[in-house]
Amino acid sequence: MEISRDYRHAKVRFSMIGDEGDIEGAAEGLASASGRLRRMLADQLRLQHTPELHFLYDPGPAHADAMERIFREIRTERPDGDPEEEDDE
């Protein structure tokens, strides 16, 4: 999360695994709940200004998950089932 210096805006990054439609739906859901979430923050933080929440999708964790699945497939496709050992030389 990034908060502006005046605490009026906050960029909240979210991640999920799904197709583009799922991600858009999640972003819309978060945006529609932003008022309620903002009120909850105001109750807990008691700031002069509660930031307006802006939700941004972060593809990093989803990409890492996809890469892990690919590595897992490669390991299971190897005939001996063991990953190749690397030389440290």
N, C-alpha and C. Protein backbone atom coordinates (compact mmCIF):
# COMPACT_ATOMS: atom_id res chain seq x y z
N MET A 1 0.84 -1.16 0.00
CA MET A 1 0.00 0.00 0.00
C MET A 1 0.90 1.23 0.00
N GLU A 2 0.49 2.20 -0.79
CA GLU A 2 1.18 3.49 -0.83
C GLU A 2 0.18 4.56 -0.43
N ILE A 3 0.58 5.43 0.48
CA ILE A 3 -0.31 6.49 0.94
C ILE A 3 0.32 7.83 0.59
N SER A 4 -0.49 8.74 0.07
CA SER A 4 0.01 10.07 -0.28
C SER A 4 0.43 10.80 0.99
N ARG A 5 1.26 11.78 0.82
CA ARG A 5 1.78 12.51 1.99
C ARG A 5 0.68 13.18 2.81
N ASP A 6 -0.39 13.61 2.15
CA ASP A 6 -1.48 14.26 2.87
C ASP A 6 -2.54 13.27 3.38
N TYR A 7 -2.29 11.97 3.19
CA TYR A 7 -3.18 10.90 3.65
C TYR A 7 -4.56 10.94 2.98
N ARG A 8 -4.68 11.58 1.84
CA ARG A 8 -5.98 11.66 1.18
C ARG A 8 -6.18 10.53 0.17
N HIS A 9 -5.11 9.87 -0.27
CA HIS A 9 -5.21 8.80 -1.26
C HIS A 9 -4.30 7.64 -0.87
N ALA A 10 -4.80 6.44 -1.10
CA ALA A 10 -3.99 5.25 -0.85
C ALA A 10 -4.14 4.30 -2.02
N LYS A 11 -3.02 3.83 -2.55
CA LYS A 11 -3.02 2.81 -3.59
C LYS A 11 -2.88 1.46 -2.89
N VAL A 12 -3.87 0.62 -3.06
CA VAL A 12 -3.88 -0.70 -2.43
C VAL A 12 -3.71 -1.73 -3.53
N ARG A 13 -2.64 -2.48 -3.48
CA ARG A 13 -2.38 -3.49 -4.50
C ARG A 13 -2.97 -4.82 -4.04
N PHE A 14 -3.60 -5.52 -5.01
CA PHE A 14 -4.14 -6.84 -4.71
C PHE A 14 -3.68 -7.82 -5.78
N SER A 15 -3.66 -9.08 -5.42
CA SER A 15 -3.24 -10.12 -6.34
C SER A 15 -4.20 -11.29 -6.22
N MET A 16 -4.38 -11.98 -7.31
CA MET A 16 -5.21 -13.17 -7.31
C MET A 16 -4.87 -13.99 -8.54
N ILE A 17 -5.29 -15.23 -8.51
CA ILE A 17 -5.09 -16.10 -9.66
C ILE A 17 -6.45 -16.24 -10.33
N GLY A 18 -6.49 -15.97 -11.60
CA GLY A 18 -7.73 -16.06 -12.36
C GLY A 18 -7.52 -15.44 -13.72
N ASP A 19 -8.58 -15.52 -14.54
CA ASP A 19 -8.47 -14.91 -15.86
C ASP A 19 -8.79 -13.42 -15.77
N GLU A 20 -8.72 -12.76 -16.90
CA GLU A 20 -8.91 -11.31 -16.92
C GLU A 20 -10.28 -10.91 -16.39
N GLY A 21 -11.29 -11.69 -16.70
CA GLY A 21 -12.63 -11.40 -16.21
C GLY A 21 -12.73 -11.50 -14.70
N ASP A 22 -12.06 -12.51 -14.13
CA ASP A 22 -12.05 -12.66 -12.67
C ASP A 22 -11.37 -11.46 -12.00
N ILE A 23 -10.28 -11.05 -12.58
CA ILE A 23 -9.52 -9.92 -12.02
C ILE A 23 -10.34 -8.63 -12.11
N GLU A 24 -10.97 -8.41 -13.26
CA GLU A 24 -11.81 -7.22 -13.41
C GLU A 24 -12.97 -7.25 -12.42
N GLY A 25 -13.57 -8.43 -12.23
CA GLY A 25 -14.66 -8.56 -11.26
C GLY A 25 -14.20 -8.25 -9.84
N ALA A 26 -13.02 -8.73 -9.50
CA ALA A 26 -12.48 -8.47 -8.16
C ALA A 26 -12.20 -6.98 -7.98
N ALA A 27 -11.63 -6.36 -9.01
CA ALA A 27 -11.35 -4.92 -8.93
C ALA A 27 -12.63 -4.13 -8.77
N GLU A 28 -13.67 -4.52 -9.50
CA GLU A 28 -14.96 -3.83 -9.38
C GLU A 28 -15.56 -4.04 -7.99
N GLY A 29 -15.44 -5.26 -7.46
CA GLY A 29 -15.95 -5.54 -6.12
C GLY A 29 -15.24 -4.72 -5.05
N LEU A 30 -13.93 -4.65 -5.17
CA LEU A 30 -13.16 -3.86 -4.22
C LEU A 30 -13.52 -2.38 -4.32
N ALA A 31 -13.67 -1.90 -5.55
CA ALA A 31 -14.03 -0.48 -5.74
C ALA A 31 -15.41 -0.20 -5.14
N SER A 32 -16.35 -1.14 -5.31
CA SER A 32 -17.69 -0.90 -4.77
C SER A 32 -17.69 -0.97 -3.24
N ALA A 33 -16.75 -1.70 -2.66
CA ALA A 33 -16.66 -1.80 -1.20
C ALA A 33 -15.75 -0.74 -0.59
N SER A 34 -15.15 0.10 -1.43
CA SER A 34 -14.15 1.05 -0.92
C SER A 34 -14.74 2.02 0.11
N GLY A 35 -15.97 2.44 -0.07
CA GLY A 35 -16.58 3.36 0.92
C GLY A 35 -16.69 2.72 2.28
N ARG A 36 -17.17 1.48 2.30
CA ARG A 36 -17.29 0.76 3.58
C ARG A 36 -15.92 0.53 4.20
N LEU A 37 -14.96 0.11 3.38
CA LEU A 37 -13.60 -0.12 3.88
C LEU A 37 -13.00 1.18 4.42
N ARG A 38 -13.28 2.26 3.74
CA ARG A 38 -12.76 3.56 4.18
C ARG A 38 -13.36 3.95 5.53
N ARG A 39 -14.66 3.69 5.72
CA ARG A 39 -15.29 3.98 7.02
C ARG A 39 -14.68 3.10 8.12
N MET A 40 -14.41 1.85 7.80
CA MET A 40 -13.79 0.96 8.78
C MET A 40 -12.40 1.48 9.16
N LEU A 41 -11.64 1.94 8.17
CA LEU A 41 -10.33 2.54 8.46
C LEU A 41 -10.47 3.77 9.34
N ALA A 42 -11.45 4.60 9.03
CA ALA A 42 -11.66 5.82 9.81
C ALA A 42 -11.96 5.49 11.26
N ASP A 43 -12.75 4.45 11.50
CA ASP A 43 -13.07 4.05 12.87
C ASP A 43 -11.83 3.55 13.62
N GLN A 44 -10.94 2.88 12.92
CA GLN A 44 -9.77 2.28 13.56
C GLN A 44 -8.60 3.26 13.69
N LEU A 45 -8.39 4.09 12.68
CA LEU A 45 -7.18 4.91 12.65
C LEU A 45 -7.35 6.30 13.24
N ARG A 46 -8.53 6.81 13.19
CA ARG A 46 -8.84 8.14 13.73
C ARG A 46 -7.87 9.21 13.21
N LEU A 47 -7.77 9.28 11.90
CA LEU A 47 -6.94 10.29 11.25
C LEU A 47 -7.80 11.51 10.92
N GLN A 48 -7.15 12.63 10.69
CA GLN A 48 -7.89 13.82 10.28
C GLN A 48 -8.54 13.57 8.91
N HIS A 49 -7.81 12.89 8.02
CA HIS A 49 -8.33 12.55 6.69
C HIS A 49 -8.13 11.05 6.48
N THR A 50 -9.20 10.36 6.17
CA THR A 50 -9.10 8.94 5.83
C THR A 50 -8.87 8.85 4.33
N PRO A 51 -7.86 8.11 3.90
CA PRO A 51 -7.53 8.10 2.48
C PRO A 51 -8.63 7.47 1.61
N GLU A 52 -8.76 8.03 0.42
CA GLU A 52 -9.60 7.41 -0.60
C GLU A 52 -8.81 6.22 -1.13
N LEU A 53 -9.45 5.07 -1.23
CA LEU A 53 -8.75 3.84 -1.61
C LEU A 53 -8.84 3.61 -3.12
N HIS A 54 -7.68 3.34 -3.72
CA HIS A 54 -7.58 3.05 -5.15
C HIS A 54 -6.96 1.66 -5.26
N PHE A 55 -7.69 0.71 -5.79
CA PHE A 55 -7.23 -0.67 -5.88
C PHE A 55 -6.56 -0.93 -7.22
N LEU A 56 -5.36 -1.51 -7.17
CA LEU A 56 -4.58 -1.81 -8.36
C LEU A 56 -4.18 -3.28 -8.35
N TYR A 57 -4.36 -3.93 -9.46
CA TYR A 57 -3.98 -5.34 -9.57
C TYR A 57 -2.47 -5.47 -9.69
N ASP A 58 -1.88 -6.38 -8.92
CA ASP A 58 -0.45 -6.67 -8.95
C ASP A 58 -0.27 -8.08 -9.49
N PRO A 59 0.22 -8.23 -10.73
CA PRO A 59 0.34 -9.56 -11.33
C PRO A 59 1.53 -10.38 -10.82
N GLY A 60 2.40 -9.80 -10.03
CA GLY A 60 3.63 -10.48 -9.59
C GLY A 60 3.40 -11.84 -8.95
N PRO A 61 2.59 -11.94 -7.89
CA PRO A 61 2.37 -13.25 -7.27
C PRO A 61 1.73 -14.28 -8.21
N ALA A 62 0.84 -13.85 -9.10
CA ALA A 62 0.22 -14.78 -10.05
C ALA A 62 1.27 -15.30 -11.02
N HIS A 63 2.19 -14.43 -11.46
CA HIS A 63 3.27 -14.87 -12.35
C HIS A 63 4.18 -15.86 -11.63
N ALA A 64 4.48 -15.59 -10.38
CA ALA A 64 5.33 -16.50 -9.61
C ALA A 64 4.66 -17.86 -9.46
N ASP A 65 3.35 -17.87 -9.24
CA ASP A 65 2.62 -19.13 -9.13
C ASP A 65 2.66 -19.90 -10.45
N ALA A 66 2.48 -19.20 -11.55
CA ALA A 66 2.53 -19.85 -12.86
C ALA A 66 3.91 -20.45 -13.13
N MET A 67 4.95 -19.73 -12.76
CA MET A 67 6.31 -20.25 -12.95
C MET A 67 6.54 -21.49 -12.08
N GLU A 68 6.04 -21.46 -10.85
CA GLU A 68 6.19 -22.62 -9.97
C GLU A 68 5.50 -23.84 -10.55
N ARG A 69 4.32 -23.64 -11.14
CA ARG A 69 3.62 -24.77 -11.77
C ARG A 69 4.43 -25.33 -12.93
N ILE A 70 5.04 -24.45 -13.73
CA ILE A 70 5.86 -24.90 -14.85
C ILE A 70 7.06 -25.71 -14.34
N PHE A 71 7.73 -25.20 -13.30
CA PHE A 71 8.87 -25.94 -12.74
C PHE A 71 8.43 -27.30 -12.19
N ARG A 72 7.29 -27.34 -11.55
CA ARG A 72 6.76 -28.60 -11.03
C ARG A 72 6.52 -29.59 -12.15
N GLU A 73 5.95 -29.12 -13.27
CA GLU A 73 5.72 -29.99 -14.42
C GLU A 73 7.03 -30.51 -14.98
N ILE A 74 8.03 -29.65 -15.07
CA ILE A 74 9.33 -30.06 -15.59
C ILE A 74 9.92 -31.15 -14.69
N ARG A 75 9.83 -30.96 -13.37
CA ARG A 75 10.38 -31.97 -12.45
C ARG A 75 9.65 -33.30 -12.59
N THR A 76 8.35 -33.29 -12.77
CA THR A 76 7.62 -34.55 -12.87
C THR A 76 7.82 -35.22 -14.22
N GLU A 77 8.20 -34.47 -15.24
CA GLU A 77 8.45 -35.05 -16.56
C GLU A 77 9.82 -35.68 -16.69
N ARG A 78 10.74 -35.35 -15.80
CA ARG A 78 12.08 -35.94 -15.86
C ARG A 78 11.98 -37.43 -15.54
N PRO A 79 12.66 -38.28 -16.28
CA PRO A 79 12.55 -39.72 -16.07
C PRO A 79 12.97 -40.19 -14.68
N ASP A 80 13.99 -39.58 -14.08
CA ASP A 80 14.43 -40.02 -12.77
C ASP A 80 13.68 -39.30 -11.64
N GLY A 81 12.90 -38.27 -11.99
CA GLY A 81 12.11 -37.55 -10.99
C GLY A 81 12.89 -36.58 -10.13
N ASP A 82 14.22 -36.52 -10.31
CA ASP A 82 15.05 -35.60 -9.51
C ASP A 82 15.49 -34.44 -10.39
N PRO A 83 15.50 -33.26 -9.82
CA PRO A 83 16.02 -32.12 -10.58
C PRO A 83 17.50 -32.31 -10.86
N GLU A 84 17.96 -31.74 -11.95
CA GLU A 84 19.39 -31.83 -12.27
C GLU A 84 20.19 -31.11 -11.21
N GLU A 85 21.32 -31.68 -10.86
CA GLU A 85 22.20 -31.02 -9.89
C GLU A 85 23.11 -30.08 -10.65
N GLU A 86 23.32 -28.92 -10.07
CA GLU A 86 24.18 -27.93 -10.71
C GLU A 86 25.58 -28.01 -10.15
N ASP A 87 26.56 -27.75 -11.02
CA ASP A 87 27.94 -27.69 -10.56
C ASP A 87 28.19 -26.32 -9.97
N ASP A 88 28.89 -26.28 -8.87
CA ASP A 88 29.22 -25.00 -8.23
C ASP A 88 30.54 -24.43 -8.74
N GLU A 89 31.14 -25.06 -9.72
CA GLU A 89 32.44 -24.63 -10.21
C GLU A 89 32.33 -23.49 -11.16
